[in-house]
Amino acid sequence: MAVLTFLLAAFLLVLPFRYVGEGEIYSATLLRLAFVGIILIVPGMVVGAILGARSYRVENRLGRRAGAGIGAVSGLAGYLFFSLLQDLPLLAVLPGVSLCLLLYALFARGQSLDRRQLIVFLAAVISVISGSIALFLDFYLLALLGVLVSTASAAVGGLVGGLGYARAGGDAMIPPGSTIRRKEPRPRLR
């Protein structure tokens, strides 16, 4: 669902360029993002199933924040990786490292939440540095727009994924040592 939301948000963010701006911006940006989204759907479903099978539920707010943050960084790093792979392959290593750090942050069970947040922040810094270097070497307005749309779309998709993460697994996936607070019955209105 998060990848589909990513594609929907990407479409809606570039749609005004089709009618108000230039059609080239709409076509080029949407085609690249659709390519990235299609490449990510199957691996994303597999990784999501693995992560969901071993994850505990979290609070809604934490799940949304983590999902949006990881989504934004993965959208930025993924777009940069596939864009730089053709033009500047040596620079594409940095977003690749960023994506590896994100996967580590997601699957590192033994690490504390603060440490995992630090790893995600480091991945974001690496991606921003690589994107800044690429824009400095060869500024292209369409590429900048693609980066912004991809980052925003993936943040929205990650927010949806974070909501699912917050609801993962039902009562069987409540963290050890947690107390279950049952809902109190609603008073019946007569």
N, C-alpha and C. Protein backbone atom coordinates (compact mmCIF):
# COMPACT_ATOMS: atom_id res chain seq x y z
N MET A 1 0.82 -1.20 0.00
CA MET A 1 0.00 0.00 0.00
C MET A 1 0.86 1.26 0.00
N ALA A 2 2.00 1.20 0.69
CA ALA A 2 2.86 2.38 0.75
C ALA A 2 3.42 2.72 -0.63
N VAL A 3 3.80 1.71 -1.41
CA VAL A 3 4.33 1.98 -2.75
C VAL A 3 3.24 2.51 -3.66
N LEU A 4 2.03 1.98 -3.54
CA LEU A 4 0.93 2.50 -4.34
C LEU A 4 0.60 3.94 -3.95
N THR A 5 0.67 4.24 -2.68
CA THR A 5 0.45 5.62 -2.24
C THR A 5 1.56 6.52 -2.76
N PHE A 6 2.79 6.02 -2.79
CA PHE A 6 3.91 6.75 -3.37
C PHE A 6 3.61 7.12 -4.82
N LEU A 7 3.15 6.14 -5.60
CA LEU A 7 2.85 6.40 -7.01
C LEU A 7 1.70 7.40 -7.16
N LEU A 8 0.68 7.28 -6.32
CA LEU A 8 -0.44 8.22 -6.37
C LEU A 8 0.02 9.63 -6.03
N ALA A 9 0.80 9.76 -4.97
CA ALA A 9 1.29 11.10 -4.58
C ALA A 9 2.19 11.68 -5.65
N ALA A 10 3.03 10.86 -6.27
CA ALA A 10 3.89 11.34 -7.34
C ALA A 10 3.05 11.84 -8.51
N PHE A 11 2.02 11.10 -8.86
CA PHE A 11 1.14 11.52 -9.95
C PHE A 11 0.46 12.84 -9.63
N LEU A 12 -0.07 12.96 -8.42
CA LEU A 12 -0.80 14.18 -8.05
C LEU A 12 0.12 15.39 -7.94
N LEU A 13 1.37 15.18 -7.52
CA LEU A 13 2.30 16.30 -7.38
C LEU A 13 2.75 16.85 -8.73
N VAL A 14 2.86 16.02 -9.75
CA VAL A 14 3.31 16.51 -11.06
C VAL A 14 2.15 16.78 -12.01
N LEU A 15 0.93 16.45 -11.63
CA LEU A 15 -0.23 16.67 -12.49
C LEU A 15 -0.42 18.14 -12.91
N PRO A 16 -0.20 19.12 -12.02
CA PRO A 16 -0.37 20.51 -12.48
C PRO A 16 0.54 20.90 -13.63
N PHE A 17 1.70 20.27 -13.75
CA PHE A 17 2.62 20.60 -14.84
C PHE A 17 2.07 20.17 -16.19
N ARG A 18 1.17 19.22 -16.19
CA ARG A 18 0.59 18.78 -17.46
C ARG A 18 -0.36 19.84 -18.02
N TYR A 19 -1.09 20.51 -17.14
CA TYR A 19 -2.11 21.45 -17.60
C TYR A 19 -1.67 22.91 -17.53
N VAL A 20 -0.81 23.23 -16.55
CA VAL A 20 -0.41 24.62 -16.35
C VAL A 20 0.99 24.89 -16.88
N GLY A 21 1.89 23.97 -16.66
CA GLY A 21 3.28 24.19 -17.04
C GLY A 21 3.62 23.51 -18.34
N GLU A 22 4.73 22.84 -18.33
CA GLU A 22 5.20 22.16 -19.53
C GLU A 22 4.92 20.66 -19.43
N GLY A 23 4.48 20.10 -20.54
CA GLY A 23 4.18 18.67 -20.58
C GLY A 23 5.42 17.81 -20.43
N GLU A 24 6.58 18.35 -20.81
CA GLU A 24 7.84 17.60 -20.71
C GLU A 24 8.16 17.30 -19.25
N ILE A 25 7.94 18.28 -18.38
CA ILE A 25 8.20 18.07 -16.95
C ILE A 25 7.31 16.95 -16.43
N TYR A 26 6.05 16.99 -16.79
CA TYR A 26 5.09 15.97 -16.35
C TYR A 26 5.53 14.58 -16.83
N SER A 27 5.81 14.47 -18.13
CA SER A 27 6.14 13.16 -18.71
C SER A 27 7.44 12.60 -18.15
N ALA A 28 8.49 13.42 -18.15
CA ALA A 28 9.80 12.92 -17.71
C ALA A 28 9.80 12.55 -16.24
N THR A 29 9.22 13.41 -15.41
CA THR A 29 9.22 13.14 -13.96
C THR A 29 8.37 11.93 -13.64
N LEU A 30 7.19 11.85 -14.22
CA LEU A 30 6.30 10.74 -13.90
C LEU A 30 6.85 9.41 -14.43
N LEU A 31 7.47 9.42 -15.58
CA LEU A 31 8.04 8.18 -16.11
C LEU A 31 9.17 7.66 -15.22
N ARG A 32 10.05 8.55 -14.77
CA ARG A 32 11.14 8.11 -13.88
C ARG A 32 10.60 7.58 -12.56
N LEU A 33 9.63 8.30 -11.98
CA LEU A 33 9.08 7.87 -10.69
C LEU A 33 8.29 6.57 -10.83
N ALA A 34 7.58 6.42 -11.94
CA ALA A 34 6.86 5.17 -12.16
C ALA A 34 7.84 4.01 -12.31
N PHE A 35 8.96 4.25 -12.99
CA PHE A 35 9.99 3.23 -13.12
C PHE A 35 10.53 2.82 -11.76
N VAL A 36 10.86 3.83 -10.94
CA VAL A 36 11.36 3.54 -9.59
C VAL A 36 10.30 2.80 -8.78
N GLY A 37 9.04 3.26 -8.87
CA GLY A 37 7.96 2.62 -8.12
C GLY A 37 7.74 1.17 -8.52
N ILE A 38 7.77 0.90 -9.82
CA ILE A 38 7.56 -0.46 -10.29
C ILE A 38 8.72 -1.36 -9.86
N ILE A 39 9.93 -0.83 -9.91
CA ILE A 39 11.08 -1.62 -9.45
C ILE A 39 10.95 -1.92 -7.96
N LEU A 40 10.37 -0.99 -7.19
CA LEU A 40 10.29 -1.16 -5.75
C LEU A 40 9.10 -1.99 -5.28
N ILE A 41 8.09 -2.20 -6.14
CA ILE A 41 6.87 -2.86 -5.68
C ILE A 41 7.15 -4.28 -5.19
N VAL A 42 7.75 -5.12 -6.02
CA VAL A 42 7.95 -6.51 -5.63
C VAL A 42 8.95 -6.63 -4.47
N PRO A 43 10.16 -6.02 -4.57
CA PRO A 43 11.04 -6.10 -3.41
C PRO A 43 10.44 -5.44 -2.17
N GLY A 44 9.68 -4.37 -2.38
CA GLY A 44 9.04 -3.70 -1.25
C GLY A 44 8.03 -4.60 -0.56
N MET A 45 7.29 -5.38 -1.34
CA MET A 45 6.32 -6.31 -0.75
C MET A 45 7.03 -7.41 0.02
N VAL A 46 8.12 -7.91 -0.52
CA VAL A 46 8.87 -8.98 0.16
C VAL A 46 9.47 -8.45 1.47
N VAL A 47 10.14 -7.28 1.39
CA VAL A 47 10.74 -6.70 2.60
C VAL A 47 9.65 -6.34 3.60
N GLY A 48 8.52 -5.81 3.12
CA GLY A 48 7.42 -5.48 4.02
C GLY A 48 6.86 -6.70 4.71
N ALA A 49 6.74 -7.82 3.99
CA ALA A 49 6.24 -9.05 4.60
C ALA A 49 7.21 -9.57 5.66
N ILE A 50 8.51 -9.52 5.35
CA ILE A 50 9.51 -9.97 6.33
C ILE A 50 9.49 -9.07 7.56
N LEU A 51 9.46 -7.76 7.32
CA LEU A 51 9.46 -6.81 8.43
C LEU A 51 8.18 -6.93 9.24
N GLY A 52 7.04 -7.10 8.57
CA GLY A 52 5.77 -7.23 9.28
C GLY A 52 5.68 -8.51 10.09
N ALA A 53 6.31 -9.57 9.61
CA ALA A 53 6.25 -10.85 10.32
C ALA A 53 7.04 -10.82 11.63
N ARG A 54 8.03 -9.94 11.73
CA ARG A 54 8.85 -9.92 12.93
C ARG A 54 8.69 -8.64 13.73
N SER A 55 7.78 -7.78 13.34
CA SER A 55 7.70 -6.47 14.00
C SER A 55 6.65 -6.46 15.10
N TYR A 56 6.91 -5.61 16.05
CA TYR A 56 5.94 -5.36 17.10
C TYR A 56 5.16 -4.10 16.76
N ARG A 57 4.02 -4.01 17.35
CA ARG A 57 3.23 -2.80 17.15
C ARG A 57 3.90 -1.64 17.86
N VAL A 58 3.67 -0.45 17.33
CA VAL A 58 4.18 0.77 17.94
C VAL A 58 3.03 1.75 18.06
N GLU A 59 3.28 2.83 18.77
CA GLU A 59 2.27 3.87 18.86
C GLU A 59 2.06 4.50 17.49
N ASN A 60 0.85 4.97 17.24
CA ASN A 60 0.52 5.56 15.94
C ASN A 60 1.46 6.70 15.59
N ARG A 61 1.70 7.59 16.52
CA ARG A 61 2.53 8.77 16.25
C ARG A 61 3.95 8.36 15.87
N LEU A 62 4.53 7.43 16.62
CA LEU A 62 5.88 6.96 16.33
C LEU A 62 5.92 6.24 14.98
N GLY A 63 4.93 5.42 14.68
CA GLY A 63 4.87 4.71 13.41
C GLY A 63 4.77 5.67 12.23
N ARG A 64 3.94 6.70 12.37
CA ARG A 64 3.80 7.68 11.29
C ARG A 64 5.09 8.46 11.08
N ARG A 65 5.70 8.92 12.18
CA ARG A 65 6.95 9.69 12.06
C ARG A 65 8.07 8.85 11.46
N ALA A 66 8.22 7.64 11.96
CA ALA A 66 9.27 6.76 11.44
C ALA A 66 9.02 6.42 9.98
N GLY A 67 7.77 6.11 9.65
CA GLY A 67 7.44 5.78 8.27
C GLY A 67 7.68 6.94 7.32
N ALA A 68 7.27 8.13 7.71
CA ALA A 68 7.47 9.31 6.85
C ALA A 68 8.95 9.63 6.70
N GLY A 69 9.70 9.53 7.77
CA GLY A 69 11.14 9.82 7.71
C GLY A 69 11.89 8.82 6.85
N ILE A 70 11.63 7.54 7.10
CA ILE A 70 12.30 6.51 6.31
C ILE A 70 11.83 6.57 4.86
N GLY A 71 10.55 6.87 4.65
CA GLY A 71 10.05 7.01 3.29
C GLY A 71 10.71 8.15 2.54
N ALA A 72 10.86 9.29 3.20
CA ALA A 72 11.49 10.44 2.54
C ALA A 72 12.93 10.15 2.18
N VAL A 73 13.66 9.55 3.10
CA VAL A 73 15.07 9.25 2.83
C VAL A 73 15.18 8.18 1.75
N SER A 74 14.32 7.16 1.78
CA SER A 74 14.40 6.13 0.75
C SER A 74 13.97 6.66 -0.61
N GLY A 75 13.01 7.59 -0.64
CA GLY A 75 12.62 8.20 -1.91
C GLY A 75 13.74 9.02 -2.50
N LEU A 76 14.41 9.79 -1.66
CA LEU A 76 15.55 10.59 -2.11
C LEU A 76 16.69 9.70 -2.58
N ALA A 77 17.07 8.72 -1.76
CA ALA A 77 18.20 7.85 -2.09
C ALA A 77 17.89 6.98 -3.31
N GLY A 78 16.67 6.47 -3.39
CA GLY A 78 16.31 5.62 -4.52
C GLY A 78 16.32 6.38 -5.83
N TYR A 79 15.75 7.57 -5.83
CA TYR A 79 15.74 8.38 -7.05
C TYR A 79 17.16 8.76 -7.46
N LEU A 80 17.97 9.16 -6.49
CA LEU A 80 19.35 9.52 -6.81
C LEU A 80 20.14 8.32 -7.31
N PHE A 81 19.94 7.17 -6.69
CA PHE A 81 20.68 5.97 -7.11
C PHE A 81 20.40 5.64 -8.57
N PHE A 82 19.11 5.57 -8.94
CA PHE A 82 18.77 5.19 -10.31
C PHE A 82 19.11 6.29 -11.30
N SER A 83 19.05 7.55 -10.88
CA SER A 83 19.40 8.65 -11.78
C SER A 83 20.91 8.73 -11.99
N LEU A 84 21.67 8.57 -10.92
CA LEU A 84 23.12 8.71 -11.01
C LEU A 84 23.80 7.47 -11.59
N LEU A 85 23.12 6.35 -11.57
CA LEU A 85 23.70 5.12 -12.09
C LEU A 85 24.07 5.25 -13.57
N GLN A 86 23.28 6.01 -14.33
CA GLN A 86 23.57 6.21 -15.75
C GLN A 86 24.62 7.29 -15.96
N ASP A 87 24.44 8.44 -15.30
CA ASP A 87 25.28 9.61 -15.58
C ASP A 87 26.59 9.62 -14.79
N LEU A 88 26.51 9.41 -13.49
CA LEU A 88 27.68 9.47 -12.61
C LEU A 88 27.74 8.20 -11.75
N PRO A 89 28.17 7.08 -12.33
CA PRO A 89 28.11 5.81 -11.58
C PRO A 89 28.94 5.79 -10.30
N LEU A 90 30.05 6.51 -10.27
CA LEU A 90 30.84 6.53 -9.03
C LEU A 90 30.10 7.25 -7.90
N LEU A 91 29.34 8.27 -8.25
CA LEU A 91 28.58 9.00 -7.25
C LEU A 91 27.34 8.22 -6.81
N ALA A 92 26.89 7.28 -7.63
CA ALA A 92 25.72 6.46 -7.28
C ALA A 92 26.00 5.54 -6.10
N VAL A 93 27.26 5.38 -5.75
CA VAL A 93 27.62 4.53 -4.60
C VAL A 93 27.06 5.14 -3.30
N LEU A 94 27.09 6.47 -3.19
CA LEU A 94 26.62 7.12 -1.95
C LEU A 94 25.15 6.86 -1.67
N PRO A 95 24.22 7.06 -2.63
CA PRO A 95 22.84 6.69 -2.34
C PRO A 95 22.66 5.20 -2.10
N GLY A 96 23.51 4.37 -2.73
CA GLY A 96 23.45 2.93 -2.46
C GLY A 96 23.80 2.62 -1.01
N VAL A 97 24.82 3.30 -0.50
CA VAL A 97 25.20 3.15 0.91
C VAL A 97 24.05 3.63 1.81
N SER A 98 23.43 4.71 1.42
CA SER A 98 22.30 5.24 2.18
C SER A 98 21.15 4.23 2.25
N LEU A 99 20.86 3.59 1.13
CA LEU A 99 19.79 2.57 1.11
C LEU A 99 20.16 1.37 1.99
N CYS A 100 21.42 0.98 1.98
CA CYS A 100 21.87 -0.12 2.85
C CYS A 100 21.74 0.25 4.33
N LEU A 101 22.07 1.49 4.66
CA LEU A 101 21.91 1.95 6.05
C LEU A 101 20.44 1.94 6.47
N LEU A 102 19.55 2.31 5.56
CA LEU A 102 18.12 2.27 5.87
C LEU A 102 17.65 0.85 6.15
N LEU A 103 18.09 -0.08 5.33
CA LEU A 103 17.71 -1.48 5.57
C LEU A 103 18.26 -1.97 6.91
N TYR A 104 19.48 -1.59 7.23
CA TYR A 104 20.05 -1.97 8.52
C TYR A 104 19.23 -1.38 9.66
N ALA A 105 18.84 -0.11 9.53
CA ALA A 105 18.05 0.52 10.59
C ALA A 105 16.70 -0.17 10.77
N LEU A 106 16.12 -0.66 9.68
CA LEU A 106 14.84 -1.34 9.78
C LEU A 106 14.96 -2.72 10.43
N PHE A 107 16.03 -3.43 10.13
CA PHE A 107 16.14 -4.81 10.58
C PHE A 107 17.06 -5.04 11.77
N ALA A 108 17.66 -4.00 12.32
CA ALA A 108 18.59 -4.15 13.45
C ALA A 108 17.81 -4.27 14.75
N ARG A 109 17.47 -5.47 15.10
CA ARG A 109 16.66 -5.69 16.31
C ARG A 109 17.41 -5.35 17.59
N GLY A 110 18.70 -5.56 17.60
CA GLY A 110 19.47 -5.37 18.81
C GLY A 110 19.80 -3.91 19.11
N GLN A 111 19.55 -3.02 18.18
CA GLN A 111 19.88 -1.60 18.37
C GLN A 111 18.72 -0.86 19.04
N SER A 112 19.06 0.15 19.81
CA SER A 112 18.02 0.96 20.45
C SER A 112 17.38 1.88 19.41
N LEU A 113 16.24 2.43 19.76
CA LEU A 113 15.52 3.32 18.85
C LEU A 113 16.34 4.57 18.55
N ASP A 114 17.04 5.10 19.55
CA ASP A 114 17.88 6.28 19.32
C ASP A 114 18.99 5.99 18.32
N ARG A 115 19.59 4.84 18.46
CA ARG A 115 20.68 4.46 17.54
C ARG A 115 20.16 4.27 16.12
N ARG A 116 18.97 3.68 16.00
CA ARG A 116 18.37 3.49 14.68
C ARG A 116 17.99 4.82 14.05
N GLN A 117 17.51 5.76 14.86
CA GLN A 117 17.20 7.09 14.33
C GLN A 117 18.47 7.78 13.85
N LEU A 118 19.56 7.60 14.56
CA LEU A 118 20.84 8.18 14.15
C LEU A 118 21.30 7.60 12.81
N ILE A 119 21.08 6.31 12.61
CA ILE A 119 21.45 5.66 11.35
C ILE A 119 20.61 6.21 10.21
N VAL A 120 19.32 6.41 10.43
CA VAL A 120 18.45 7.00 9.40
C VAL A 120 18.89 8.43 9.09
N PHE A 121 19.24 9.18 10.12
CA PHE A 121 19.73 10.55 9.91
C PHE A 121 21.03 10.55 9.10
N LEU A 122 21.92 9.62 9.40
CA LEU A 122 23.17 9.50 8.64
C LEU A 122 22.89 9.16 7.18
N ALA A 123 21.93 8.27 6.95
CA ALA A 123 21.54 7.92 5.57
C ALA A 123 20.99 9.15 4.85
N ALA A 124 20.22 9.98 5.56
CA ALA A 124 19.67 11.19 4.95
C ALA A 124 20.79 12.16 4.59
N VAL A 125 21.74 12.32 5.48
CA VAL A 125 22.87 13.24 5.22
C VAL A 125 23.67 12.76 4.01
N ILE A 126 23.93 11.47 3.93
CA ILE A 126 24.69 10.93 2.80
C ILE A 126 23.93 11.18 1.49
N SER A 127 22.61 10.98 1.51
CA SER A 127 21.82 11.20 0.30
C SER A 127 21.80 12.67 -0.10
N VAL A 128 21.64 13.55 0.87
CA VAL A 128 21.62 14.99 0.56
C VAL A 128 22.97 15.43 0.00
N ILE A 129 24.05 14.93 0.58
CA ILE A 129 25.38 15.29 0.06
C ILE A 129 25.55 14.80 -1.37
N SER A 130 25.16 13.56 -1.65
CA SER A 130 25.32 13.05 -3.02
C SER A 130 24.44 13.81 -3.99
N GLY A 131 23.21 14.16 -3.59
CA GLY A 131 22.35 14.94 -4.47
C GLY A 131 22.88 16.34 -4.70
N SER A 132 23.44 16.94 -3.66
CA SER A 132 24.02 18.28 -3.81
C SER A 132 25.22 18.26 -4.75
N ILE A 133 26.07 17.24 -4.62
CA ILE A 133 27.22 17.13 -5.51
C ILE A 133 26.75 16.95 -6.95
N ALA A 134 25.75 16.10 -7.17
CA ALA A 134 25.25 15.86 -8.53
C ALA A 134 24.65 17.12 -9.12
N LEU A 135 23.90 17.87 -8.32
CA LEU A 135 23.32 19.12 -8.84
C LEU A 135 24.40 20.17 -9.08
N PHE A 136 25.43 20.16 -8.27
CA PHE A 136 26.52 21.11 -8.47
C PHE A 136 27.29 20.80 -9.76
N LEU A 137 27.52 19.50 -10.01
CA LEU A 137 28.26 19.11 -11.20
C LEU A 137 27.47 19.34 -12.49
N ASP A 138 26.16 19.07 -12.42
CA ASP A 138 25.33 19.19 -13.62
C ASP A 138 23.92 19.57 -13.20
N PHE A 139 23.70 20.89 -13.04
CA PHE A 139 22.38 21.35 -12.61
C PHE A 139 21.36 21.16 -13.73
N TYR A 140 20.29 20.51 -13.39
CA TYR A 140 19.22 20.24 -14.33
C TYR A 140 17.92 20.40 -13.56
N LEU A 141 17.11 21.37 -13.95
CA LEU A 141 15.89 21.70 -13.21
C LEU A 141 14.94 20.51 -13.10
N LEU A 142 14.86 19.74 -14.16
CA LEU A 142 13.99 18.57 -14.15
C LEU A 142 14.44 17.53 -13.12
N ALA A 143 15.75 17.38 -12.97
CA ALA A 143 16.27 16.45 -11.97
C ALA A 143 15.95 16.93 -10.56
N LEU A 144 16.09 18.24 -10.33
CA LEU A 144 15.74 18.79 -9.02
C LEU A 144 14.27 18.58 -8.70
N LEU A 145 13.42 18.80 -9.69
CA LEU A 145 11.99 18.57 -9.49
C LEU A 145 11.71 17.10 -9.21
N GLY A 146 12.40 16.22 -9.93
CA GLY A 146 12.23 14.78 -9.70
C GLY A 146 12.62 14.38 -8.29
N VAL A 147 13.72 14.94 -7.80
CA VAL A 147 14.17 14.65 -6.44
C VAL A 147 13.14 15.12 -5.42
N LEU A 148 12.63 16.33 -5.61
CA LEU A 148 11.64 16.87 -4.66
C LEU A 148 10.35 16.07 -4.68
N VAL A 149 9.86 15.73 -5.87
CA VAL A 149 8.62 14.97 -5.98
C VAL A 149 8.80 13.57 -5.42
N SER A 150 9.93 12.94 -5.72
CA SER A 150 10.19 11.60 -5.22
C SER A 150 10.27 11.58 -3.69
N THR A 151 10.97 12.57 -3.13
CA THR A 151 11.10 12.63 -1.67
C THR A 151 9.75 12.85 -1.00
N ALA A 152 8.96 13.80 -1.53
CA ALA A 152 7.65 14.08 -0.94
C ALA A 152 6.70 12.89 -1.11
N SER A 153 6.71 12.27 -2.29
CA SER A 153 5.82 11.14 -2.53
C SER A 153 6.18 9.95 -1.65
N ALA A 154 7.46 9.69 -1.51
CA ALA A 154 7.89 8.57 -0.67
C ALA A 154 7.61 8.85 0.81
N ALA A 155 7.67 10.13 1.21
CA ALA A 155 7.31 10.46 2.60
C ALA A 155 5.84 10.16 2.86
N VAL A 156 4.98 10.47 1.90
CA VAL A 156 3.55 10.15 2.04
C VAL A 156 3.35 8.64 2.04
N GLY A 157 4.04 7.94 1.13
CA GLY A 157 3.96 6.48 1.12
C GLY A 157 4.48 5.87 2.41
N GLY A 158 5.56 6.42 2.94
CA GLY A 158 6.10 5.94 4.21
C GLY A 158 5.17 6.20 5.37
N LEU A 159 4.45 7.31 5.32
CA LEU A 159 3.45 7.61 6.35
C LEU A 159 2.38 6.52 6.37
N VAL A 160 1.93 6.12 5.18
CA VAL A 160 0.95 5.04 5.09
C VAL A 160 1.55 3.73 5.60
N GLY A 161 2.80 3.46 5.21
CA GLY A 161 3.48 2.27 5.72
C GLY A 161 3.64 2.30 7.23
N GLY A 162 3.92 3.48 7.78
CA GLY A 162 4.06 3.63 9.23
C GLY A 162 2.75 3.38 9.96
N LEU A 163 1.64 3.77 9.33
CA LEU A 163 0.34 3.47 9.93
C LEU A 163 0.11 1.97 9.98
N GLY A 164 0.50 1.28 8.90
CA GLY A 164 0.38 -0.18 8.89
C GLY A 164 1.30 -0.82 9.91
N TYR A 165 2.48 -0.27 10.07
CA TYR A 165 3.44 -0.78 11.04
C TYR A 165 2.88 -0.62 12.46
N ALA A 166 2.17 0.48 12.68
CA ALA A 166 1.60 0.72 14.00
C ALA A 166 0.51 -0.30 14.32
N ARG A 167 -0.09 -0.86 13.31
CA ARG A 167 -1.18 -1.82 13.52
C ARG A 167 -0.74 -3.27 13.29
N ALA A 168 0.54 -3.52 13.10
CA ALA A 168 1.04 -4.84 12.69
C ALA A 168 0.75 -5.91 13.71
N GLY A 169 0.29 -7.04 13.22
CA GLY A 169 0.29 -8.27 13.99
C GLY A 169 -0.78 -8.49 15.02
N GLY A 170 -1.63 -7.57 15.32
CA GLY A 170 -2.66 -7.78 16.32
C GLY A 170 -2.08 -7.97 17.71
N ASP A 171 -2.86 -8.56 18.60
CA ASP A 171 -2.43 -8.73 19.99
C ASP A 171 -1.25 -9.67 20.14
N ALA A 172 -1.03 -10.54 19.17
CA ALA A 172 0.09 -11.48 19.25
C ALA A 172 1.44 -10.77 19.13
N MET A 173 1.44 -9.56 18.60
CA MET A 173 2.70 -8.87 18.35
C MET A 173 2.93 -7.69 19.31
N ILE A 174 2.30 -7.72 20.45
CA ILE A 174 2.54 -6.68 21.44
C ILE A 174 3.90 -6.96 22.09
N PRO A 175 4.74 -5.95 22.24
CA PRO A 175 6.09 -6.18 22.78
C PRO A 175 6.07 -6.87 24.14
N PRO A 176 7.08 -7.70 24.40
CA PRO A 176 7.15 -8.38 25.70
C PRO A 176 7.20 -7.37 26.84
N GLY A 177 6.49 -7.69 27.91
CA GLY A 177 6.49 -6.82 29.08
C GLY A 177 5.47 -5.70 29.02
N SER A 178 4.77 -5.57 27.91
CA SER A 178 3.76 -4.51 27.80
C SER A 178 2.47 -4.97 28.44
N THR A 179 1.74 -4.02 28.95
CA THR A 179 0.43 -4.33 29.50
C THR A 179 -0.62 -4.00 28.46
N ILE A 180 -1.60 -4.83 28.36
CA ILE A 180 -2.68 -4.63 27.40
C ILE A 180 -3.82 -3.93 28.11
N ARG A 181 -4.12 -2.75 27.63
CA ARG A 181 -5.24 -2.00 28.20
C ARG A 181 -6.45 -2.24 27.32
N ARG A 182 -7.40 -2.96 27.84
CA ARG A 182 -8.59 -3.29 27.08
C ARG A 182 -9.51 -2.08 26.99
N LYS A 183 -10.25 -2.03 25.91
CA LYS A 183 -11.22 -0.95 25.74
C LYS A 183 -12.35 -1.12 26.74
N GLU A 184 -12.76 -0.01 27.28
CA GLU A 184 -13.91 -0.04 28.17
C GLU A 184 -15.16 -0.01 27.32
N PRO A 185 -16.19 -0.71 27.74
CA PRO A 185 -17.40 -0.70 26.93
C PRO A 185 -18.02 0.71 26.91
N ARG A 186 -18.55 1.04 25.76
CA ARG A 186 -19.21 2.34 25.62
C ARG A 186 -20.53 2.33 26.33
N PRO A 187 -20.89 3.44 26.93
CA PRO A 187 -22.22 3.49 27.53
C PRO A 187 -23.27 3.48 26.43
N ARG A 188 -24.29 2.72 26.65
CA ARG A 188 -25.35 2.61 25.66
C ARG A 188 -26.28 3.81 25.74
N LEU A 189 -26.54 4.39 24.62
CA LEU A 189 -27.46 5.52 24.56
C LEU A 189 -28.87 4.99 24.38
N ARG A 190 -29.77 5.58 25.09
CA ARG A 190 -31.17 5.13 24.98
C ARG A 190 -32.01 6.18 24.38
